[in-house]
Amino acid sequence: MTSEPLLQESLEKLKTSLAMLFASAESHIPFDPAKAYSPKEREPYDALSDRFLRSFESALKFFRTWERVRESSASDTFRDLLLRMEKLGFISNHDRWLLLRDMRNRVAHEYLPGELKHLYEGITGTAVPEFKTLVAVASARLR
């Protein structure tokens, strides 16, 4: 197997996870921290969070696969990886992706309603547009 199919496969996995995240974001209703949600009412928010986590991890796997296939060496640090992806035009800027990583870490550990509201707003307002740009650029590069 040549390396280019590995890159195509990584992009397809990324697109699959992003399609699920985008579907959740399209039907997202802003979270009300004052409301006592039933477990059933919380399901769309949990799906949004889970899909964000998966999408973020899929993006990182795509970046690492790109490095392995197209670049001469792998990045030593997460920041170096982001700087390389920024230079290549896959991401808007590395600081935004550091914020997304922080959001990913907080999604896994936050349960306070006020924090959840901000996390969901960050997913729909910051992460989704960034991921849309990523998939468009990656798709164009691999045509």
N, C-alpha and C. Protein backbone atom coordinates (compact mmCIF):
# COMPACT_ATOMS: atom_id res chain seq x y z
N MET A 1 0.85 -1.18 0.00
CA MET A 1 0.00 0.00 0.00
C MET A 1 0.89 1.24 0.00
N THR A 2 0.64 2.17 -0.91
CA THR A 2 1.39 3.42 -0.91
C THR A 2 0.87 4.32 0.18
N SER A 3 1.58 5.39 0.44
CA SER A 3 1.22 6.27 1.56
C SER A 3 0.00 7.15 1.26
N GLU A 4 -0.23 7.50 0.00
CA GLU A 4 -1.37 8.38 -0.32
C GLU A 4 -2.72 7.78 0.09
N PRO A 5 -2.96 6.49 -0.09
CA PRO A 5 -4.23 5.93 0.41
C PRO A 5 -4.38 6.09 1.92
N LEU A 6 -3.28 6.07 2.65
CA LEU A 6 -3.35 6.31 4.09
C LEU A 6 -3.88 7.71 4.38
N LEU A 7 -3.43 8.65 3.61
CA LEU A 7 -3.88 10.03 3.78
C LEU A 7 -5.34 10.17 3.38
N GLN A 8 -5.73 9.53 2.29
CA GLN A 8 -7.14 9.56 1.87
C GLN A 8 -8.04 8.91 2.93
N GLU A 9 -7.60 7.80 3.48
CA GLU A 9 -8.38 7.11 4.51
C GLU A 9 -8.52 7.98 5.75
N SER A 10 -7.46 8.66 6.14
CA SER A 10 -7.50 9.55 7.29
C SER A 10 -8.46 10.71 7.05
N LEU A 11 -8.45 11.24 5.83
CA LEU A 11 -9.38 12.32 5.49
C LEU A 11 -10.81 11.83 5.52
N GLU A 12 -11.07 10.64 5.03
CA GLU A 12 -12.44 10.11 5.05
C GLU A 12 -12.94 9.91 6.48
N LYS A 13 -12.08 9.45 7.36
CA LYS A 13 -12.46 9.31 8.77
C LYS A 13 -12.75 10.67 9.38
N LEU A 14 -11.94 11.65 9.03
CA LEU A 14 -12.17 13.01 9.51
C LEU A 14 -13.51 13.53 9.01
N LYS A 15 -13.78 13.36 7.73
CA LYS A 15 -15.06 13.82 7.16
C LYS A 15 -16.25 13.15 7.84
N THR A 16 -16.12 11.87 8.14
CA THR A 16 -17.21 11.14 8.79
C THR A 16 -17.49 11.71 10.18
N SER A 17 -16.45 11.92 10.96
CA SER A 17 -16.66 12.47 12.30
C SER A 17 -17.18 13.90 12.24
N LEU A 18 -16.68 14.68 11.28
CA LEU A 18 -17.15 16.06 11.15
C LEU A 18 -18.60 16.13 10.69
N ALA A 19 -19.02 15.23 9.83
CA ALA A 19 -20.41 15.23 9.38
C ALA A 19 -21.35 15.05 10.57
N MET A 20 -20.97 14.19 11.49
CA MET A 20 -21.79 13.98 12.69
C MET A 20 -21.80 15.23 13.57
N LEU A 21 -20.64 15.85 13.75
CA LEU A 21 -20.57 17.08 14.55
C LEU A 21 -21.40 18.18 13.90
N PHE A 22 -21.27 18.34 12.59
CA PHE A 22 -22.02 19.39 11.90
C PHE A 22 -23.53 19.16 12.03
N ALA A 23 -23.96 17.91 11.98
CA ALA A 23 -25.38 17.60 12.14
C ALA A 23 -25.86 18.00 13.54
N SER A 24 -25.07 17.71 14.55
CA SER A 24 -25.43 18.12 15.91
C SER A 24 -25.47 19.64 16.04
N ALA A 25 -24.49 20.31 15.44
CA ALA A 25 -24.42 21.77 15.54
C ALA A 25 -25.60 22.45 14.84
N GLU A 26 -26.02 21.87 13.71
CA GLU A 26 -27.15 22.46 12.97
C GLU A 26 -28.44 22.44 13.76
N SER A 27 -28.64 21.42 14.57
CA SER A 27 -29.88 21.32 15.34
C SER A 27 -29.71 21.79 16.79
N HIS A 28 -28.56 22.37 17.09
CA HIS A 28 -28.25 22.79 18.45
C HIS A 28 -29.19 23.90 18.93
N ILE A 29 -29.72 23.71 20.11
CA ILE A 29 -30.51 24.73 20.80
C ILE A 29 -29.65 25.20 21.96
N PRO A 30 -29.45 26.52 22.10
CA PRO A 30 -28.58 27.00 23.18
C PRO A 30 -28.96 26.41 24.54
N PHE A 31 -27.93 26.07 25.29
CA PHE A 31 -28.10 25.46 26.62
C PHE A 31 -28.48 26.53 27.63
N ASP A 32 -29.46 26.22 28.47
CA ASP A 32 -29.91 27.13 29.52
C ASP A 32 -29.44 26.58 30.86
N PRO A 33 -28.44 27.20 31.48
CA PRO A 33 -27.92 26.67 32.73
C PRO A 33 -28.92 26.71 33.89
N ALA A 34 -29.97 27.52 33.76
CA ALA A 34 -30.98 27.61 34.82
C ALA A 34 -32.02 26.50 34.74
N LYS A 35 -32.07 25.82 33.62
CA LYS A 35 -33.08 24.78 33.41
C LYS A 35 -32.59 23.44 33.96
N ALA A 36 -33.49 22.70 34.57
CA ALA A 36 -33.18 21.34 35.04
C ALA A 36 -33.56 20.38 33.92
N TYR A 37 -32.56 19.93 33.16
CA TYR A 37 -32.80 19.05 32.03
C TYR A 37 -32.95 17.61 32.50
N SER A 38 -33.87 16.91 31.85
CA SER A 38 -33.99 15.47 32.09
C SER A 38 -32.86 14.79 31.33
N PRO A 39 -32.57 13.54 31.68
CA PRO A 39 -31.53 12.83 30.93
C PRO A 39 -31.82 12.79 29.42
N LYS A 40 -33.06 12.64 29.04
CA LYS A 40 -33.43 12.60 27.62
C LYS A 40 -33.18 13.96 26.97
N GLU A 41 -33.47 15.04 27.69
CA GLU A 41 -33.25 16.38 27.15
C GLU A 41 -31.76 16.71 27.02
N ARG A 42 -30.93 16.05 27.82
CA ARG A 42 -29.49 16.29 27.77
C ARG A 42 -28.81 15.54 26.62
N GLU A 43 -29.48 14.56 26.04
CA GLU A 43 -28.86 13.74 25.00
C GLU A 43 -28.29 14.55 23.83
N PRO A 44 -29.01 15.54 23.29
CA PRO A 44 -28.39 16.29 22.17
C PRO A 44 -27.11 17.02 22.57
N TYR A 45 -27.04 17.48 23.80
CA TYR A 45 -25.85 18.18 24.27
C TYR A 45 -24.70 17.19 24.48
N ASP A 46 -25.03 16.03 25.00
CA ASP A 46 -24.01 14.99 25.15
C ASP A 46 -23.50 14.53 23.79
N ALA A 47 -24.40 14.42 22.82
CA ALA A 47 -23.98 14.03 21.47
C ALA A 47 -23.06 15.09 20.87
N LEU A 48 -23.41 16.37 21.06
CA LEU A 48 -22.57 17.45 20.56
C LEU A 48 -21.17 17.38 21.17
N SER A 49 -21.11 17.18 22.48
CA SER A 49 -19.82 17.08 23.17
C SER A 49 -19.00 15.91 22.67
N ASP A 50 -19.64 14.74 22.60
CA ASP A 50 -18.94 13.54 22.16
C ASP A 50 -18.45 13.68 20.72
N ARG A 51 -19.26 14.25 19.88
CA ARG A 51 -18.89 14.42 18.48
C ARG A 51 -17.76 15.44 18.32
N PHE A 52 -17.76 16.45 19.18
CA PHE A 52 -16.66 17.40 19.18
C PHE A 52 -15.35 16.69 19.56
N LEU A 53 -15.41 15.89 20.62
CA LEU A 53 -14.21 15.16 21.06
C LEU A 53 -13.68 14.28 19.94
N ARG A 54 -14.55 13.53 19.31
CA ARG A 54 -14.13 12.64 18.22
C ARG A 54 -13.57 13.42 17.04
N SER A 55 -14.20 14.53 16.71
CA SER A 55 -13.73 15.34 15.59
C SER A 55 -12.36 15.93 15.87
N PHE A 56 -12.16 16.41 17.07
CA PHE A 56 -10.87 16.97 17.43
C PHE A 56 -9.77 15.91 17.31
N GLU A 57 -10.05 14.74 17.85
CA GLU A 57 -9.06 13.65 17.77
C GLU A 57 -8.83 13.20 16.33
N SER A 58 -9.88 13.17 15.52
CA SER A 58 -9.73 12.81 14.10
C SER A 58 -8.89 13.84 13.37
N ALA A 59 -9.06 15.10 13.71
CA ALA A 59 -8.26 16.16 13.09
C ALA A 59 -6.78 15.97 13.43
N LEU A 60 -6.50 15.67 14.69
CA LEU A 60 -5.10 15.46 15.08
C LEU A 60 -4.51 14.25 14.36
N LYS A 61 -5.29 13.19 14.23
CA LYS A 61 -4.80 12.01 13.50
C LYS A 61 -4.54 12.36 12.04
N PHE A 62 -5.40 13.17 11.44
CA PHE A 62 -5.18 13.60 10.06
C PHE A 62 -3.88 14.40 9.97
N PHE A 63 -3.68 15.33 10.90
CA PHE A 63 -2.45 16.14 10.89
C PHE A 63 -1.21 15.25 10.98
N ARG A 64 -1.26 14.28 11.87
CA ARG A 64 -0.10 13.40 12.04
C ARG A 64 0.11 12.51 10.82
N THR A 65 -0.97 12.08 10.21
CA THR A 65 -0.85 11.28 8.99
C THR A 65 -0.27 12.14 7.87
N TRP A 66 -0.72 13.38 7.77
CA TRP A 66 -0.17 14.29 6.76
C TRP A 66 1.34 14.44 6.95
N GLU A 67 1.74 14.64 8.20
CA GLU A 67 3.18 14.77 8.46
C GLU A 67 3.93 13.52 8.02
N ARG A 68 3.41 12.35 8.36
CA ARG A 68 4.07 11.10 8.03
C ARG A 68 4.19 10.90 6.53
N VAL A 69 3.15 11.29 5.81
CA VAL A 69 3.10 11.04 4.37
C VAL A 69 3.79 12.15 3.57
N ARG A 70 3.55 13.39 3.93
CA ARG A 70 3.99 14.49 3.08
C ARG A 70 5.17 15.32 3.59
N GLU A 71 5.46 15.24 4.87
CA GLU A 71 6.52 16.08 5.44
C GLU A 71 7.75 15.24 5.73
N SER A 72 8.86 15.91 5.92
CA SER A 72 10.11 15.20 6.12
C SER A 72 10.29 14.67 7.54
N SER A 73 9.58 15.26 8.49
CA SER A 73 9.73 14.80 9.88
C SER A 73 8.45 15.09 10.66
N ALA A 74 8.30 14.37 11.76
CA ALA A 74 7.15 14.58 12.63
C ALA A 74 7.46 15.68 13.63
N SER A 75 6.44 16.41 14.01
CA SER A 75 6.61 17.47 15.01
C SER A 75 6.90 16.86 16.37
N ASP A 76 7.74 17.55 17.12
CA ASP A 76 8.09 17.07 18.46
C ASP A 76 7.03 17.40 19.49
N THR A 77 6.36 18.53 19.32
CA THR A 77 5.38 18.97 20.30
C THR A 77 4.04 19.26 19.62
N PHE A 78 3.00 19.36 20.43
CA PHE A 78 1.68 19.70 19.92
C PHE A 78 1.72 21.09 19.27
N ARG A 79 2.38 22.04 19.92
CA ARG A 79 2.48 23.39 19.37
C ARG A 79 3.20 23.37 18.01
N ASP A 80 4.27 22.59 17.89
CA ASP A 80 4.98 22.48 16.61
C ASP A 80 4.06 21.92 15.53
N LEU A 81 3.28 20.92 15.89
CA LEU A 81 2.32 20.35 14.94
C LEU A 81 1.34 21.41 14.46
N LEU A 82 0.81 22.19 15.40
CA LEU A 82 -0.14 23.24 15.04
C LEU A 82 0.51 24.32 14.19
N LEU A 83 1.72 24.70 14.53
CA LEU A 83 2.42 25.71 13.73
C LEU A 83 2.63 25.23 12.30
N ARG A 84 2.96 23.95 12.14
CA ARG A 84 3.13 23.40 10.80
C ARG A 84 1.80 23.41 10.04
N MET A 85 0.72 23.00 10.71
CA MET A 85 -0.58 22.96 10.05
C MET A 85 -1.06 24.38 9.70
N GLU A 86 -0.72 25.34 10.53
CA GLU A 86 -1.04 26.74 10.23
C GLU A 86 -0.26 27.21 9.00
N LYS A 87 1.01 26.88 8.96
CA LYS A 87 1.85 27.26 7.81
C LYS A 87 1.33 26.64 6.52
N LEU A 88 0.83 25.42 6.61
CA LEU A 88 0.29 24.72 5.44
C LEU A 88 -1.12 25.18 5.07
N GLY A 89 -1.75 25.97 5.93
CA GLY A 89 -3.07 26.50 5.65
C GLY A 89 -4.24 25.62 6.08
N PHE A 90 -3.96 24.56 6.83
CA PHE A 90 -5.04 23.69 7.29
C PHE A 90 -5.84 24.31 8.42
N ILE A 91 -5.20 25.13 9.24
CA ILE A 91 -5.88 25.76 10.36
C ILE A 91 -5.68 27.27 10.28
N SER A 92 -6.59 28.02 10.89
CA SER A 92 -6.51 29.48 10.82
C SER A 92 -5.35 30.03 11.64
N ASN A 93 -5.22 29.53 12.87
CA ASN A 93 -4.06 29.88 13.68
C ASN A 93 -3.91 28.91 14.83
N HIS A 94 -2.68 28.76 15.27
CA HIS A 94 -2.38 27.75 16.29
C HIS A 94 -3.00 28.10 17.64
N ASP A 95 -3.15 29.39 17.96
CA ASP A 95 -3.76 29.77 19.24
C ASP A 95 -5.20 29.29 19.33
N ARG A 96 -5.92 29.36 18.22
CA ARG A 96 -7.30 28.89 18.23
C ARG A 96 -7.34 27.38 18.51
N TRP A 97 -6.39 26.65 17.97
CA TRP A 97 -6.36 25.20 18.20
C TRP A 97 -5.90 24.85 19.60
N LEU A 98 -5.09 25.69 20.20
CA LEU A 98 -4.77 25.50 21.61
C LEU A 98 -6.03 25.70 22.45
N LEU A 99 -6.85 26.67 22.07
CA LEU A 99 -8.14 26.87 22.73
C LEU A 99 -9.05 25.66 22.53
N LEU A 100 -9.07 25.11 21.32
CA LEU A 100 -9.89 23.92 21.06
C LEU A 100 -9.42 22.74 21.91
N ARG A 101 -8.10 22.61 22.07
CA ARG A 101 -7.59 21.53 22.92
C ARG A 101 -8.03 21.75 24.36
N ASP A 102 -8.01 22.98 24.83
CA ASP A 102 -8.48 23.28 26.18
C ASP A 102 -9.97 22.96 26.30
N MET A 103 -10.74 23.30 25.28
CA MET A 103 -12.17 22.97 25.29
C MET A 103 -12.35 21.45 25.34
N ARG A 104 -11.56 20.72 24.58
CA ARG A 104 -11.65 19.26 24.58
C ARG A 104 -11.39 18.71 25.97
N ASN A 105 -10.40 19.24 26.63
CA ASN A 105 -10.09 18.80 27.99
C ASN A 105 -11.21 19.16 28.97
N ARG A 106 -11.77 20.33 28.83
CA ARG A 106 -12.85 20.75 29.73
C ARG A 106 -14.14 19.98 29.47
N VAL A 107 -14.44 19.65 28.23
CA VAL A 107 -15.65 18.88 27.92
C VAL A 107 -15.63 17.56 28.69
N ALA A 108 -14.48 16.96 28.79
CA ALA A 108 -14.37 15.67 29.47
C ALA A 108 -14.53 15.77 30.98
N HIS A 109 -14.41 16.98 31.54
CA HIS A 109 -14.39 17.09 32.99
C HIS A 109 -15.40 18.07 33.59
N GLU A 110 -16.06 18.87 32.80
CA GLU A 110 -16.97 19.89 33.33
C GLU A 110 -18.40 19.39 33.40
N TYR A 111 -19.02 19.65 34.51
CA TYR A 111 -20.42 19.27 34.68
C TYR A 111 -21.25 20.42 35.24
N LEU A 112 -20.64 21.56 35.52
CA LEU A 112 -21.38 22.70 36.02
C LEU A 112 -22.16 23.34 34.88
N PRO A 113 -23.44 23.59 35.07
CA PRO A 113 -24.28 24.11 33.98
C PRO A 113 -23.74 25.38 33.33
N GLY A 114 -23.22 26.31 34.12
CA GLY A 114 -22.68 27.55 33.55
C GLY A 114 -21.50 27.29 32.63
N GLU A 115 -20.63 26.38 33.03
CA GLU A 115 -19.49 26.01 32.19
C GLU A 115 -19.94 25.29 30.93
N LEU A 116 -20.93 24.42 31.08
CA LEU A 116 -21.42 23.69 29.91
C LEU A 116 -21.95 24.64 28.85
N LYS A 117 -22.66 25.66 29.27
CA LYS A 117 -23.19 26.65 28.32
C LYS A 117 -22.05 27.25 27.49
N HIS A 118 -20.96 27.64 28.16
CA HIS A 118 -19.82 28.23 27.46
C HIS A 118 -19.13 27.22 26.55
N LEU A 119 -19.04 25.98 27.00
CA LEU A 119 -18.42 24.95 26.17
C LEU A 119 -19.23 24.69 24.90
N TYR A 120 -20.55 24.58 25.04
CA TYR A 120 -21.39 24.34 23.87
C TYR A 120 -21.32 25.52 22.90
N GLU A 121 -21.28 26.74 23.44
CA GLU A 121 -21.13 27.92 22.59
C GLU A 121 -19.79 27.90 21.86
N GLY A 122 -18.74 27.45 22.57
CA GLY A 122 -17.42 27.35 21.93
C GLY A 122 -17.39 26.31 20.83
N ILE A 123 -18.08 25.21 21.06
CA ILE A 123 -18.12 24.16 20.04
C ILE A 123 -18.81 24.67 18.79
N THR A 124 -20.00 25.26 18.97
CA THR A 124 -20.77 25.71 17.81
C THR A 124 -20.22 26.99 17.19
N GLY A 125 -19.65 27.86 18.02
CA GLY A 125 -19.19 29.16 17.51
C GLY A 125 -17.75 29.22 17.06
N THR A 126 -16.91 28.39 17.63
CA THR A 126 -15.47 28.42 17.30
C THR A 126 -15.03 27.15 16.59
N ALA A 127 -15.33 26.00 17.18
CA ALA A 127 -14.83 24.74 16.62
C ALA A 127 -15.45 24.41 15.27
N VAL A 128 -16.76 24.50 15.16
CA VAL A 128 -17.42 24.11 13.92
C VAL A 128 -16.92 24.91 12.72
N PRO A 129 -16.85 26.25 12.81
CA PRO A 129 -16.30 26.99 11.65
C PRO A 129 -14.85 26.60 11.33
N GLU A 130 -14.06 26.36 12.36
CA GLU A 130 -12.66 25.96 12.14
C GLU A 130 -12.59 24.60 11.45
N PHE A 131 -13.42 23.67 11.89
CA PHE A 131 -13.44 22.34 11.28
C PHE A 131 -13.95 22.40 9.84
N LYS A 132 -14.89 23.29 9.56
CA LYS A 132 -15.39 23.42 8.17
C LYS A 132 -14.27 23.89 7.25
N THR A 133 -13.47 24.82 7.73
CA THR A 133 -12.33 25.28 6.93
C THR A 133 -11.33 24.15 6.74
N LEU A 134 -11.04 23.42 7.80
CA LEU A 134 -10.09 22.31 7.72
C LEU A 134 -10.52 21.29 6.67
N VAL A 135 -11.75 20.86 6.71
CA VAL A 135 -12.19 19.82 5.77
C VAL A 135 -12.19 20.34 4.33
N ALA A 136 -12.51 21.61 4.14
CA ALA A 136 -12.48 22.18 2.79
C ALA A 136 -11.05 22.23 2.25
N VAL A 137 -10.12 22.69 3.06
CA VAL A 137 -8.72 22.79 2.63
C VAL A 137 -8.14 21.40 2.39
N ALA A 138 -8.38 20.48 3.33
CA ALA A 138 -7.84 19.12 3.19
C ALA A 138 -8.40 18.44 1.96
N SER A 139 -9.68 18.60 1.72
CA SER A 139 -10.30 17.99 0.55
C SER A 139 -9.72 18.54 -0.74
N ALA A 140 -9.53 19.84 -0.78
CA ALA A 140 -8.96 20.46 -1.97
C ALA A 140 -7.51 19.99 -2.21
N ARG A 141 -6.75 19.82 -1.15
CA ARG A 141 -5.35 19.41 -1.27
C ARG A 141 -5.22 17.96 -1.75
N LEU A 142 -6.22 17.15 -1.47
CA LEU A 142 -6.10 15.73 -1.82
C LEU A 142 -6.90 15.35 -3.07
N ARG A 143 -7.34 16.30 -3.82
CA ARG A 143 -8.05 16.01 -5.07
C ARG A 143 -7.08 15.58 -6.13
